[in-house]
Amino acid sequence: MTELMVALGIFLLFSSVFTASVMQYLRSTSSTAVRAQSASNVMMATQRMERFISYSNSIGYATTGGSSGTTDKNTVLIYSAPSSGNDSGVASASVGQCIMLYYKPATWSSGNLQDTGTLYYQTADVDSTGAHGTYSAKHALLNSITNAPTASGLSKADLLTVKSTDTLQFSPVVGQYSGSKLVTSNTQVTFSSRNSSAADPSGGAAITYAACQ
C-alpha cells in the first residue's frame, strides 16, 4: 500500500508539472499569435497612412465649434490638391480631395483596458473654390487600438500627432487580452508630404486642410 501511495504521489507530481508546462506553452503560443496579428494589422494601416500623407498638400487637426474653436486631437484633416493625387495615388486633374482621420479612443479605467479604439477614415472631393462635398461613410482603418490619455505605459501616447502642416506622426499600440495579460504590438512612424510646397495649379489662393473642416 505504501509503495502504491508513493507511486501515485510521483505520478500526480509529474502530471501537475506536465499540465503546468502545457498551459504555459498554450499561453505563450496565444500571446505570440496576438502579437503577430496585431503587427500585421499595424503594418497594413501604416502603408495606407503613408499613401494618404505622401500625396497631400496640407495636414492639420480639426476643430470643434468652428475654425476658431477647440483643437480636436482625435481628428486629422488632410488635403490633396488636384495635381497631387488622391488616396489611391492616382493623379486627378480637376478634383482635390479631403481625407478625414477620426480616432474613437480606447476606454481605460483604473489602469485596465475596458474597450479598444478604432481609427476611421472618410473622403470627400474638393472643388476649385475650396468647398468640399459630402464625406463618404466611415471606413475602419485600424481596430483594437489601446491608445488613450487615461491609459498606462505606451498606450498613453497620442495616436495621431500633427508635427507641422506637412508632417504627421502615427503611434499605434494595438492588441488584446490573452488570458489576464494585455498583449500589444506598437510602432511609431512619421510621415511627410511630398507635395506640401507644390503651387496651386489653378493659380488661385492655396487651399489648405482647413477647407476639409
C-alpha atoms as a PDB file:
ATOM      1  CA  MET A   1       0.000   0.000   0.000  1.00  0.00           C
ATOM      2  CA  THR A   2       2.825   2.402   0.895  1.00  0.00           C
ATOM      3  CA  GLU A   3       4.558   1.767  -2.430  1.00  0.00           C
ATOM      4  CA  LEU A   4       1.287   2.383  -4.241  1.00  0.00           C
ATOM      5  CA  MET A   5       0.789   5.701  -2.451  1.00  0.00           C
ATOM      6  CA  VAL A   6       4.353   6.772  -3.252  1.00  0.00           C
ATOM      7  CA  ALA A   7       3.903   5.824  -6.910  1.00  0.00           C
ATOM      8  CA  LEU A   8       0.605   7.689  -7.031  1.00  0.00           C
ATOM      9  CA  GLY A   9       2.210  10.736  -5.456  1.00  0.00           C
ATOM     10  CA  ILE A  10       5.026  10.720  -8.006  1.00  0.00           C
ATOM     11  CA  PHE A  11       2.511  10.308 -10.824  1.00  0.00           C
ATOM     12  CA  LEU A  12       0.434  13.259  -9.577  1.00  0.00           C
ATOM     13  CA  LEU A  13       3.566  15.379  -9.226  1.00  0.00           C
ATOM     14  CA  PHE A  14       4.671  14.720 -12.790  1.00  0.00           C
ATOM     15  CA  SER A  15       1.095  15.203 -14.034  1.00  0.00           C
ATOM     16  CA  SER A  16       0.954  18.616 -12.369  1.00  0.00           C
ATOM     17  CA  VAL A  17       4.296  19.638 -13.862  1.00  0.00           C
ATOM     18  CA  PHE A  18       3.220  18.416 -17.304  1.00  0.00           C
ATOM     19  CA  THR A  19      -0.133  20.222 -17.110  1.00  0.00           C
ATOM     20  CA  ALA A  20       1.549  23.447 -15.987  1.00  0.00           C
ATOM     21  CA  SER A  21       4.031  23.177 -18.868  1.00  0.00           C
ATOM     22  CA  VAL A  22       1.239  22.656 -21.394  1.00  0.00           C
ATOM     23  CA  MET A  23      -0.735  25.625 -20.041  1.00  0.00           C
ATOM     24  CA  GLN A  24       2.365  27.832 -20.165  1.00  0.00           C
ATOM     25  CA  TYR A  25       3.007  26.738 -23.753  1.00  0.00           C
ATOM     26  CA  LEU A  26      -0.575  27.480 -24.776  1.00  0.00           C
ATOM     27  CA  ARG A  27      -0.449  30.931 -23.160  1.00  0.00           C
ATOM     28  CA  SER A  28       2.855  31.666 -24.875  1.00  0.00           C
ATOM     29  CA  THR A  29       1.507  30.476 -28.234  1.00  0.00           C
ATOM     30  CA  SER A  30      -1.644  32.573 -27.832  1.00  0.00           C
ATOM     31  CA  SER A  31       0.383  35.687 -26.954  1.00  0.00           C
ATOM     32  CA  THR A  32       2.639  35.152 -29.963  1.00  0.00           C
ATOM     33  CA  ALA A  33      -0.387  34.808 -32.257  1.00  0.00           C
ATOM     34  CA  VAL A  34      -1.939  38.004 -30.867  1.00  0.00           C
ATOM     35  CA  ARG A  35       1.303  39.947 -31.371  1.00  0.00           C
ATOM     36  CA  ALA A  36       1.715  38.620 -34.910  1.00  0.00           C
ATOM     37  CA  GLN A  37      -1.849  39.546 -35.886  1.00  0.00           C
ATOM     38  CA  SER A  38      -1.544  42.982 -34.277  1.00  0.00           C
ATOM     39  CA  ALA A  39       1.760  43.653 -36.040  1.00  0.00           C
ATOM     40  CA  SER A  40       0.239  42.642 -39.386  1.00  0.00           C
ATOM     41  CA  ASN A  41      -2.752  44.955 -38.892  1.00  0.00           C
ATOM     42  CA  VAL A  42      -0.492  47.847 -37.891  1.00  0.00           C
ATOM     43  CA  MET A  43       1.688  47.311 -40.967  1.00  0.00           C
ATOM     44  CA  MET A  44      -1.287  47.419 -43.348  1.00  0.00           C
ATOM     45  CA  ALA A  45      -2.691  50.552 -41.699  1.00  0.00           C
ATOM     46  CA  THR A  46       0.736  52.198 -41.823  1.00  0.00           C
ATOM     47  CA  GLN A  47       1.031  51.523 -45.548  1.00  0.00           C
ATOM     48  CA  ARG A  48      -2.371  53.118 -46.162  1.00  0.00           C
ATOM     49  CA  MET A  49      -1.485  56.114 -43.996  1.00  0.00           C
ATOM     50  CA  GLU A  50       1.718  56.586 -45.978  1.00  0.00           C
ATOM     51  CA  ARG A  51      -0.323  56.902 -49.175  1.00  0.00           C
ATOM     52  CA  PHE A  52      -2.680  59.404 -47.566  1.00  0.00           C
ATOM     53  CA  ILE A  53       0.150  61.672 -46.421  1.00  0.00           C
ATOM     54  CA  SER A  54       2.597  61.308 -49.320  1.00  0.00           C
ATOM     55  CA  TYR A  55       0.119  62.744 -51.845  1.00  0.00           C
ATOM     56  CA  SER A  56      -1.153  65.509 -49.574  1.00  0.00           C
ATOM     57  CA  ASN A  57      -0.510  69.254 -49.593  1.00  0.00           C
ATOM     58  CA  SER A  58      -1.671  70.226 -46.125  1.00  0.00           C
ATOM     59  CA  ILE A  59      -2.306  68.464 -42.789  1.00  0.00           C
ATOM     60  CA  GLY A  60      -3.862  69.697 -39.551  1.00  0.00           C
ATOM     61  CA  TYR A  61      -6.174  68.966 -36.653  1.00  0.00           C
ATOM     62  CA  ALA A  62      -9.890  69.559 -36.978  1.00  0.00           C
ATOM     63  CA  THR A  63     -11.541  71.944 -34.542  1.00  0.00           C
ATOM     64  CA  THR A  64     -14.808  71.764 -32.666  1.00  0.00           C
ATOM     65  CA  GLY A  65     -17.042  74.814 -32.732  1.00  0.00           C
ATOM     66  CA  GLY A  66     -15.777  76.288 -35.997  1.00  0.00           C
ATOM     67  CA  SER A  67     -12.372  77.322 -37.320  1.00  0.00           C
ATOM     68  CA  SER A  68     -11.532  79.240 -34.140  1.00  0.00           C
ATOM     69  CA  GLY A  69     -12.790  76.505 -31.818  1.00  0.00           C
ATOM     70  CA  THR A  70     -11.015  73.897 -29.724  1.00  0.00           C
ATOM     71  CA  THR A  71      -8.447  71.608 -31.344  1.00  0.00           C
ATOM     72  CA  ASP A  72      -9.697  68.047 -31.733  1.00  0.00           C
ATOM     73  CA  LYS A  73      -6.613  65.829 -31.445  1.00  0.00           C
ATOM     74  CA  ASN A  74      -8.638  62.747 -32.383  1.00  0.00           C
ATOM     75  CA  THR A  75      -9.484  64.130 -35.835  1.00  0.00           C
ATOM     76  CA  VAL A  76      -6.904  64.972 -38.504  1.00  0.00           C
ATOM     77  CA  LEU A  77      -7.729  66.625 -41.834  1.00  0.00           C
ATOM     78  CA  ILE A  78      -5.632  66.000 -44.942  1.00  0.00           C
ATOM     79  CA  TYR A  79      -5.961  67.990 -48.166  1.00  0.00           C
ATOM     80  CA  SER A  80      -4.586  66.899 -51.551  1.00  0.00           C
ATOM     81  CA  ALA A  81      -4.659  69.363 -54.457  1.00  0.00           C
ATOM     82  CA  PRO A  82      -5.859  68.225 -57.927  1.00  0.00           C
ATOM     83  CA  SER A  83      -2.341  67.704 -59.248  1.00  0.00           C
ATOM     84  CA  SER A  84      -1.173  65.834 -56.162  1.00  0.00           C
ATOM     85  CA  GLY A  85      -3.213  62.667 -56.480  1.00  0.00           C
ATOM     86  CA  ASN A  86      -5.750  61.152 -54.136  1.00  0.00           C
ATOM     87  CA  ASP A  87      -5.757  58.415 -51.522  1.00  0.00           C
ATOM     88  CA  SER A  88      -5.263  55.718 -54.175  1.00  0.00           C
ATOM     89  CA  GLY A  89      -2.207  57.521 -55.518  1.00  0.00           C
ATOM     90  CA  VAL A  90      -3.854  58.300 -58.868  1.00  0.00           C
ATOM     91  CA  ALA A  91      -3.425  61.887 -60.036  1.00  0.00           C
ATOM     92  CA  SER A  92      -6.594  63.874 -60.710  1.00  0.00           C
ATOM     93  CA  ALA A  93      -6.566  66.916 -62.989  1.00  0.00           C
ATOM     94  CA  SER A  94      -9.691  68.661 -61.729  1.00  0.00           C
ATOM     95  CA  VAL A  95     -10.742  67.463 -58.281  1.00  0.00           C
ATOM     96  CA  GLY A  96      -8.921  67.835 -54.989  1.00  0.00           C
ATOM     97  CA  GLN A  97      -9.571  65.569 -52.056  1.00  0.00           C
ATOM     98  CA  CYS A  98     -10.114  65.756 -48.318  1.00  0.00           C
ATOM     99  CA  ILE A  99      -9.343  62.831 -46.058  1.00  0.00           C
ATOM    100  CA  MET A 100     -10.619  62.877 -42.503  1.00  0.00           C
ATOM    101  CA  LEU A 101      -8.965  60.574 -39.987  1.00  0.00           C
ATOM    102  CA  TYR A 102     -11.068  60.052 -36.875  1.00  0.00           C
ATOM    103  CA  TYR A 103      -9.969  58.087 -33.827  1.00  0.00           C
ATOM    104  CA  LYS A 104     -12.547  56.743 -31.406  1.00  0.00           C
ATOM    105  CA  PRO A 105     -10.307  56.333 -28.338  1.00  0.00           C
ATOM    106  CA  ALA A 106      -9.923  53.228 -26.234  1.00  0.00           C
ATOM    107  CA  THR A 107     -11.551  53.215 -22.801  1.00  0.00           C
ATOM    108  CA  TRP A 108      -9.434  52.652 -19.698  1.00  0.00           C
ATOM    109  CA  SER A 109     -10.420  52.527 -16.029  1.00  0.00           C
ATOM    110  CA  SER A 110      -8.077  52.264 -13.036  1.00  0.00           C
ATOM    111  CA  GLY A 111      -5.205  51.184 -15.271  1.00  0.00           C
ATOM    112  CA  ASN A 112      -7.196  48.465 -17.021  1.00  0.00           C
ATOM    113  CA  LEU A 113      -8.322  48.413 -20.648  1.00  0.00           C
ATOM    114  CA  GLN A 114     -12.118  48.282 -20.870  1.00  0.00           C
ATOM    115  CA  ASP A 115     -12.639  48.661 -24.623  1.00  0.00           C
ATOM    116  CA  THR A 116     -10.308  49.118 -27.589  1.00  0.00           C
ATOM    117  CA  GLY A 117     -10.475  52.044 -30.001  1.00  0.00           C
ATOM    118  CA  THR A 118     -10.824  52.268 -33.787  1.00  0.00           C
ATOM    119  CA  LEU A 119      -9.250  54.578 -36.377  1.00  0.00           C
ATOM    120  CA  TYR A 120     -11.617  55.516 -39.216  1.00  0.00           C
ATOM    121  CA  TYR A 121     -11.200  57.483 -42.421  1.00  0.00           C
ATOM    122  CA  GLN A 122     -13.609  59.323 -44.721  1.00  0.00           C
ATOM    123  CA  THR A 123     -13.049  61.077 -48.042  1.00  0.00           C
ATOM    124  CA  ALA A 124     -14.670  63.972 -49.886  1.00  0.00           C
ATOM    125  CA  ASP A 125     -13.999  65.764 -53.184  1.00  0.00           C
ATOM    126  CA  VAL A 126     -12.969  69.428 -53.132  1.00  0.00           C
ATOM    127  CA  ASP A 127     -13.790  71.863 -55.948  1.00  0.00           C
ATOM    128  CA  SER A 128     -11.668  74.770 -57.195  1.00  0.00           C
ATOM    129  CA  THR A 129     -13.226  77.171 -54.686  1.00  0.00           C
ATOM    130  CA  GLY A 130     -12.143  75.030 -51.747  1.00  0.00           C
ATOM    131  CA  ALA A 131     -15.627  73.751 -50.964  1.00  0.00           C
ATOM    132  CA  HIS A 132     -15.814  70.059 -50.181  1.00  0.00           C
ATOM    133  CA  GLY A 133     -18.665  67.710 -50.933  1.00  0.00           C
ATOM    134  CA  THR A 134     -20.311  65.223 -48.609  1.00  0.00           C
ATOM    135  CA  TYR A 135     -17.920  62.932 -46.806  1.00  0.00           C
ATOM    136  CA  SER A 136     -18.133  59.227 -47.533  1.00  0.00           C
ATOM    137  CA  ALA A 137     -19.213  56.717 -44.917  1.00  0.00           C
ATOM    138  CA  LYS A 138     -16.647  55.840 -42.263  1.00  0.00           C
ATOM    139  CA  HIS A 139     -14.213  53.062 -43.116  1.00  0.00           C
ATOM    140  CA  ALA A 140     -12.244  51.319 -40.373  1.00  0.00           C
ATOM    141  CA  LEU A 141      -8.510  51.705 -40.950  1.00  0.00           C
ATOM    142  CA  LEU A 142      -7.270  50.023 -37.770  1.00  0.00           C
ATOM    143  CA  ASN A 143      -9.058  48.233 -34.914  1.00  0.00           C
ATOM    144  CA  SER A 144      -8.086  47.013 -31.425  1.00  0.00           C
ATOM    145  CA  ILE A 145      -6.166  50.208 -30.618  1.00  0.00           C
ATOM    146  CA  THR A 146      -5.328  50.814 -26.947  1.00  0.00           C
ATOM    147  CA  ASN A 147      -4.142  54.461 -27.137  1.00  0.00           C
ATOM    148  CA  ALA A 148      -5.891  56.842 -24.730  1.00  0.00           C
ATOM    149  CA  PRO A 149      -4.909  59.785 -22.476  1.00  0.00           C
ATOM    150  CA  THR A 150      -6.054  57.771 -19.439  1.00  0.00           C
ATOM    151  CA  ALA A 151      -4.040  54.677 -20.386  1.00  0.00           C
ATOM    152  CA  SER A 152      -0.778  53.493 -18.882  1.00  0.00           C
ATOM    153  CA  GLY A 153       2.585  52.752 -20.475  1.00  0.00           C
ATOM    154  CA  LEU A 154       2.995  53.047 -24.243  1.00  0.00           C
ATOM    155  CA  SER A 155      -0.782  53.270 -24.728  1.00  0.00           C
ATOM    156  CA  LYS A 156      -0.780  56.737 -23.152  1.00  0.00           C
ATOM    157  CA  ALA A 157       0.759  58.212 -26.327  1.00  0.00           C
ATOM    158  CA  ASP A 158      -1.412  60.192 -28.747  1.00  0.00           C
ATOM    159  CA  LEU A 159      -2.327  58.071 -31.752  1.00  0.00           C
ATOM    160  CA  LEU A 160      -2.129  60.998 -34.206  1.00  0.00           C
ATOM    161  CA  THR A 161       0.288  63.899 -33.729  1.00  0.00           C
ATOM    162  CA  VAL A 162       0.438  66.741 -36.258  1.00  0.00           C
ATOM    163  CA  LYS A 163       4.049  67.944 -36.184  1.00  0.00           C
ATOM    164  CA  SER A 164       3.541  70.567 -38.899  1.00  0.00           C
ATOM    165  CA  THR A 165       1.299  71.153 -41.902  1.00  0.00           C
ATOM    166  CA  ASP A 166       3.322  68.582 -43.842  1.00  0.00           C
ATOM    167  CA  THR A 167       4.228  66.046 -41.144  1.00  0.00           C
ATOM    168  CA  LEU A 168       2.124  63.549 -39.172  1.00  0.00           C
ATOM    169  CA  GLN A 169       3.314  61.131 -36.501  1.00  0.00           C
ATOM    170  CA  PHE A 170       1.429  57.838 -36.155  1.00  0.00           C
ATOM    171  CA  SER A 171       1.944  55.942 -32.864  1.00  0.00           C
ATOM    172  CA  PRO A 172      -0.477  52.992 -32.664  1.00  0.00           C
ATOM    173  CA  VAL A 173      -0.469  50.473 -29.826  1.00  0.00           C
ATOM    174  CA  VAL A 174      -2.658  47.541 -30.846  1.00  0.00           C
ATOM    175  CA  GLY A 175      -3.578  44.364 -29.017  1.00  0.00           C
ATOM    176  CA  GLN A 176      -5.960  42.460 -26.800  1.00  0.00           C
ATOM    177  CA  TYR A 177      -6.071  40.383 -23.651  1.00  0.00           C
ATOM    178  CA  SER A 178      -4.628  36.878 -23.724  1.00  0.00           C
ATOM    179  CA  GLY A 179      -5.966  35.402 -20.531  1.00  0.00           C
ATOM    180  CA  SER A 180      -5.450  38.134 -17.940  1.00  0.00           C
ATOM    181  CA  LYS A 181      -2.489  39.708 -19.750  1.00  0.00           C
ATOM    182  CA  LEU A 182      -2.761  42.584 -22.222  1.00  0.00           C
ATOM    183  CA  VAL A 183      -0.636  41.660 -25.240  1.00  0.00           C
ATOM    184  CA  THR A 184       0.220  44.507 -27.618  1.00  0.00           C
ATOM    185  CA  SER A 185       2.252  45.441 -30.668  1.00  0.00           C
ATOM    186  CA  ASN A 186       3.313  49.018 -31.317  1.00  0.00           C
ATOM    187  CA  THR A 187       5.195  51.265 -33.695  1.00  0.00           C
ATOM    188  CA  GLN A 188       5.868  54.948 -34.259  1.00  0.00           C
ATOM    189  CA  VAL A 189       6.119  56.289 -37.799  1.00  0.00           C
ATOM    190  CA  THR A 190       6.498  59.855 -39.041  1.00  0.00           C
ATOM    191  CA  PHE A 191       5.008  60.601 -42.467  1.00  0.00           C
ATOM    192  CA  SER A 192       5.918  63.611 -44.595  1.00  0.00           C
ATOM    193  CA  SER A 193       4.109  65.109 -47.560  1.00  0.00           C
ATOM    194  CA  ARG A 194       5.938  65.179 -50.884  1.00  0.00           C
ATOM    195  CA  ASN A 195       3.671  67.923 -52.211  1.00  0.00           C
ATOM    196  CA  SER A 196       3.483  70.460 -49.394  1.00  0.00           C
ATOM    197  CA  SER A 197       5.383  73.081 -51.406  1.00  0.00           C
ATOM    198  CA  ALA A 198       3.555  72.460 -54.683  1.00  0.00           C
ATOM    199  CA  ALA A 199       1.911  75.510 -56.231  1.00  0.00           C
ATOM    200  CA  ASP A 200      -1.838  75.622 -56.750  1.00  0.00           C
ATOM    201  CA  PRO A 201      -2.337  74.558 -60.405  1.00  0.00           C
ATOM    202  CA  SER A 202      -5.262  76.964 -60.839  1.00  0.00           C
ATOM    203  CA  GLY A 203      -3.113  79.938 -59.916  1.00  0.00           C
ATOM    204  CA  GLY A 204      -5.533  80.934 -57.173  1.00  0.00           C
ATOM    205  CA  ALA A 205      -5.078  81.119 -53.430  1.00  0.00           C
ATOM    206  CA  ALA A 206      -3.712  77.911 -51.986  1.00  0.00           C
ATOM    207  CA  ILE A 207      -6.291  75.612 -50.412  1.00  0.00           C
ATOM    208  CA  THR A 208      -5.289  74.044 -47.091  1.00  0.00           C
ATOM    209  CA  TYR A 209      -6.565  71.348 -44.746  1.00  0.00           C
ATOM    210  CA  ALA A 210      -8.885  73.980 -43.225  1.00  0.00           C
ATOM    211  CA  ALA A 211     -11.119  73.554 -46.289  1.00  0.00           C
ATOM    212  CA  CYS A 212     -11.793  69.993 -45.109  1.00  0.00           C
ATOM    213  CA  GLN A 213     -13.348  71.107 -41.816  1.00  0.00           C
END
